[in-house]
């Protein structure tokens, strides 16, 4: 009984993520968590920011792309602006989705504000998972600071699956610390 309870307890504990960071120069330091077993890569986008890709381990079919963009004219947070930008960016998914509408959901990012919309690809319903063909997409934006905004593109197959939860956890872990 004790062994079974211990095993169930260990299975319920999520795998530990590892912290990573990027030096954004005058824009500060970006810190985020990479889910356990996932790989990540980052690429500088000239002077505009960074693109970060998080990829789930096989056989999972999930990918998360975080795009950090330096704001040209720094401005204070406007929740309405963030929401409007996400709704506009998601126009492209509505017609081909099961949902046929955009519904904002909030990210849980301490010290920041962000929202996303989730869409199910109607052409993928009932089909088996296939590498790099995703059944769902979640698109959003997080206002990390007055100088840095982040778009999040999450591609996966199961809204209730561990991959989506891992990506939400990665986005929720994102933070910017001020440059010194």
Protein backbone atom coordinates (compact mmCIF):
# COMPACT_ATOMS: atom_id res chain seq x y z
CA UNK A 1 0.00 0.00 0.00
CA UNK A 2 2.77 2.45 0.96
CA UNK A 3 4.71 1.66 -2.23
CA UNK A 4 1.60 2.18 -4.36
CA UNK A 5 0.90 5.49 -2.65
CA UNK A 6 4.52 6.61 -3.12
CA UNK A 7 4.43 5.63 -6.79
CA UNK A 8 1.14 7.49 -7.34
CA UNK A 9 2.57 10.52 -5.56
CA UNK A 10 5.69 10.48 -7.77
CA UNK A 11 3.59 10.14 -10.92
CA UNK A 12 1.48 13.15 -9.92
CA UNK A 13 4.52 15.43 -9.46
CA UNK A 14 5.30 17.24 -12.71
CA UNK A 15 8.79 16.84 -14.12
CA UNK A 16 11.08 19.67 -13.16
CA UNK A 17 11.73 22.32 -15.75
CA UNK A 18 15.10 23.95 -16.21
CA UNK A 19 15.55 27.70 -16.15
CA UNK A 20 17.09 29.45 -19.13
CA UNK A 21 17.79 33.10 -19.78
CA UNK A 22 18.68 35.46 -22.59
CA UNK A 23 20.53 38.74 -22.22
CA UNK A 24 18.48 41.35 -24.05
CA UNK A 25 21.06 44.08 -23.52
CA UNK A 26 19.45 47.41 -22.69
CA UNK A 27 16.03 45.68 -22.62
CA UNK A 28 16.94 43.50 -19.63
CA UNK A 29 17.26 39.79 -19.02
CA UNK A 30 14.58 37.35 -20.20
CA UNK A 31 14.12 34.25 -18.06
CA UNK A 32 11.88 31.27 -18.77
CA UNK A 33 11.52 27.58 -17.94
CA UNK A 34 11.96 24.80 -20.47
CA UNK A 35 9.71 21.82 -19.64
CA UNK A 36 11.57 18.67 -18.65
CA UNK A 37 12.62 16.62 -21.67
CA UNK A 38 11.83 19.42 -24.12
CA UNK A 39 14.50 21.03 -26.31
CA UNK A 40 14.83 24.71 -27.02
CA UNK A 41 16.63 26.90 -29.45
CA UNK A 42 16.86 30.65 -29.74
CA UNK A 43 17.67 32.91 -32.63
CA UNK A 44 18.32 36.62 -32.54
CA UNK A 45 16.08 38.60 -34.92
CA UNK A 46 18.61 41.30 -35.82
CA UNK A 47 17.87 44.24 -33.51
CA UNK A 48 14.15 43.41 -33.15
CA UNK A 49 14.31 40.68 -30.47
CA UNK A 50 14.53 36.88 -30.28
CA UNK A 51 12.64 33.82 -31.49
CA UNK A 52 12.60 30.87 -29.10
CA UNK A 53 11.36 27.42 -30.11
CA UNK A 54 10.40 24.79 -27.53
CA UNK A 55 9.91 21.26 -28.91
CA UNK A 56 8.32 18.34 -27.08
CA UNK A 57 10.20 15.05 -26.93
CA UNK A 58 9.12 12.23 -29.28
CA UNK A 59 6.57 10.76 -29.61
CA UNK A 60 4.74 13.93 -28.49
CA UNK A 61 3.62 16.26 -31.25
CA UNK A 62 3.89 19.78 -29.84
CA UNK A 63 5.86 22.94 -30.46
CA UNK A 64 5.86 26.39 -28.89
CA UNK A 65 7.35 29.46 -30.53
CA UNK A 66 7.92 32.54 -28.37
CA UNK A 67 8.81 35.73 -30.23
CA UNK A 68 10.28 38.51 -28.11
CA UNK A 69 9.93 41.88 -29.77
CA UNK A 70 11.42 45.14 -28.60
CA UNK A 71 8.81 47.89 -28.58
CA UNK A 72 10.03 50.84 -30.67
CA UNK A 73 8.10 53.42 -28.66
CA UNK A 74 7.86 52.04 -25.10
CA UNK A 75 4.42 52.47 -23.61
CA UNK A 76 2.62 51.39 -20.45
CA UNK A 77 0.42 48.32 -20.43
CA UNK A 78 -2.95 48.59 -22.09
CA UNK A 79 -4.96 45.38 -21.67
CA UNK A 80 -7.32 46.55 -24.39
CA UNK A 81 -4.44 46.95 -26.88
CA UNK A 82 -3.06 43.48 -26.07
CA UNK A 83 -6.53 41.95 -26.48
CA UNK A 84 -7.16 43.80 -29.76
CA UNK A 85 -3.82 42.68 -31.20
CA UNK A 86 -4.49 39.03 -30.32
CA UNK A 87 -8.01 39.14 -31.72
CA UNK A 88 -6.70 40.68 -34.95
CA UNK A 89 -3.86 38.13 -35.28
CA UNK A 90 -6.33 35.28 -34.78
CA UNK A 91 -8.65 36.31 -37.63
CA UNK A 92 -6.79 33.88 -39.91
CA UNK A 93 -7.84 30.81 -37.86
CA UNK A 94 -11.56 31.38 -37.36
CA UNK A 95 -12.97 30.13 -40.67
CA UNK A 96 -11.07 26.80 -40.67
CA UNK A 97 -11.70 26.13 -36.97
CA UNK A 98 -14.28 24.03 -35.18
CA UNK A 99 -14.97 26.96 -32.83
CA UNK A 100 -15.80 29.49 -35.59
CA UNK A 101 -15.16 32.33 -33.11
CA UNK A 102 -12.38 33.96 -31.11
CA UNK A 103 -12.52 33.57 -27.33
CA UNK A 104 -9.86 35.27 -25.23
CA UNK A 105 -8.24 33.31 -22.39
CA UNK A 106 -5.75 34.87 -20.00
CA UNK A 107 -2.22 33.62 -19.47
CA UNK A 108 -1.10 33.46 -15.85
CA UNK A 109 2.21 35.35 -16.01
CA UNK A 110 3.27 37.01 -12.74
CA UNK A 111 3.95 40.73 -13.23
CA UNK A 112 2.74 40.71 -16.84
CA UNK A 113 -0.48 40.56 -18.82
CA UNK A 114 -1.28 38.26 -21.69
CA UNK A 115 -4.12 36.58 -23.53
CA UNK A 116 -4.55 33.89 -26.16
CA UNK A 117 -7.20 32.25 -28.32
CA UNK A 118 -7.39 28.52 -28.98
CA UNK A 119 -8.55 26.92 -32.24
CA UNK A 120 -9.20 23.35 -33.35
CA UNK A 121 -8.37 22.67 -36.99
CA UNK A 122 -11.64 21.27 -38.40
CA UNK A 123 -9.73 19.37 -41.13
CA UNK A 124 -7.79 17.41 -38.46
CA UNK A 125 -10.76 16.23 -36.35
CA UNK A 126 -10.84 12.45 -36.06
CA UNK A 127 -7.49 12.00 -37.77
CA UNK A 128 -4.53 10.34 -36.04
CA UNK A 129 -1.62 12.46 -34.86
CA UNK A 130 1.06 13.05 -37.45
CA UNK A 131 4.44 14.70 -36.85
CA UNK A 132 4.34 18.45 -37.46
CA UNK A 133 0.61 18.40 -38.34
CA UNK A 134 -1.20 19.87 -35.37
CA UNK A 135 -4.85 19.57 -34.42
CA UNK A 136 -4.89 22.69 -32.25
CA UNK A 137 -3.25 26.08 -32.24
CA UNK A 138 -3.21 28.66 -29.47
CA UNK A 139 -2.03 32.15 -30.42
CA UNK A 140 -1.41 34.91 -27.94
CA UNK A 141 0.60 37.85 -26.69
CA UNK A 142 2.14 38.80 -23.37
CA UNK A 143 3.07 42.37 -22.43
CA UNK A 144 6.23 41.59 -20.42
CA UNK A 145 7.35 45.18 -19.89
CA UNK A 146 6.93 48.60 -21.44
CA UNK A 147 9.86 47.72 -23.73
CA UNK A 148 9.30 44.02 -24.54
CA UNK A 149 6.28 42.14 -25.79
CA UNK A 150 6.11 38.42 -26.55
CA UNK A 151 3.91 36.52 -28.94
CA UNK A 152 3.26 32.86 -28.19
CA UNK A 153 2.31 30.27 -30.81
CA UNK A 154 1.48 26.88 -29.32
CA UNK A 155 0.87 23.94 -31.67
CA UNK A 156 -0.34 20.60 -30.28
CA UNK A 157 -2.91 17.79 -30.54
CA UNK A 158 -4.79 17.62 -27.22
CA UNK A 159 -6.06 20.54 -25.14
CA UNK A 160 -6.19 18.33 -22.05
CA UNK A 161 -2.80 16.73 -22.74
CA UNK A 162 0.46 17.29 -20.87
CA UNK A 163 2.07 19.08 -23.81
CA UNK A 164 -0.39 21.99 -23.73
CA UNK A 165 -0.05 22.22 -19.97
CA UNK A 166 3.76 22.23 -20.33
CA UNK A 167 3.59 25.06 -22.87
CA UNK A 168 1.24 27.09 -20.66
CA UNK A 169 3.71 26.52 -17.81
CA UNK A 170 6.60 27.70 -19.96
CA UNK A 171 4.74 30.88 -20.95
CA UNK A 172 3.71 31.47 -17.32
CA UNK A 173 7.35 31.25 -16.24
CA UNK A 174 8.50 34.08 -18.53
CA UNK A 175 9.84 37.24 -16.94
CA UNK A 176 11.96 40.27 -17.69
CA UNK A 177 14.37 41.76 -15.21
CA UNK A 178 15.64 45.29 -15.75
CA UNK A 179 19.02 45.92 -17.30
CA UNK A 180 21.57 47.29 -14.85
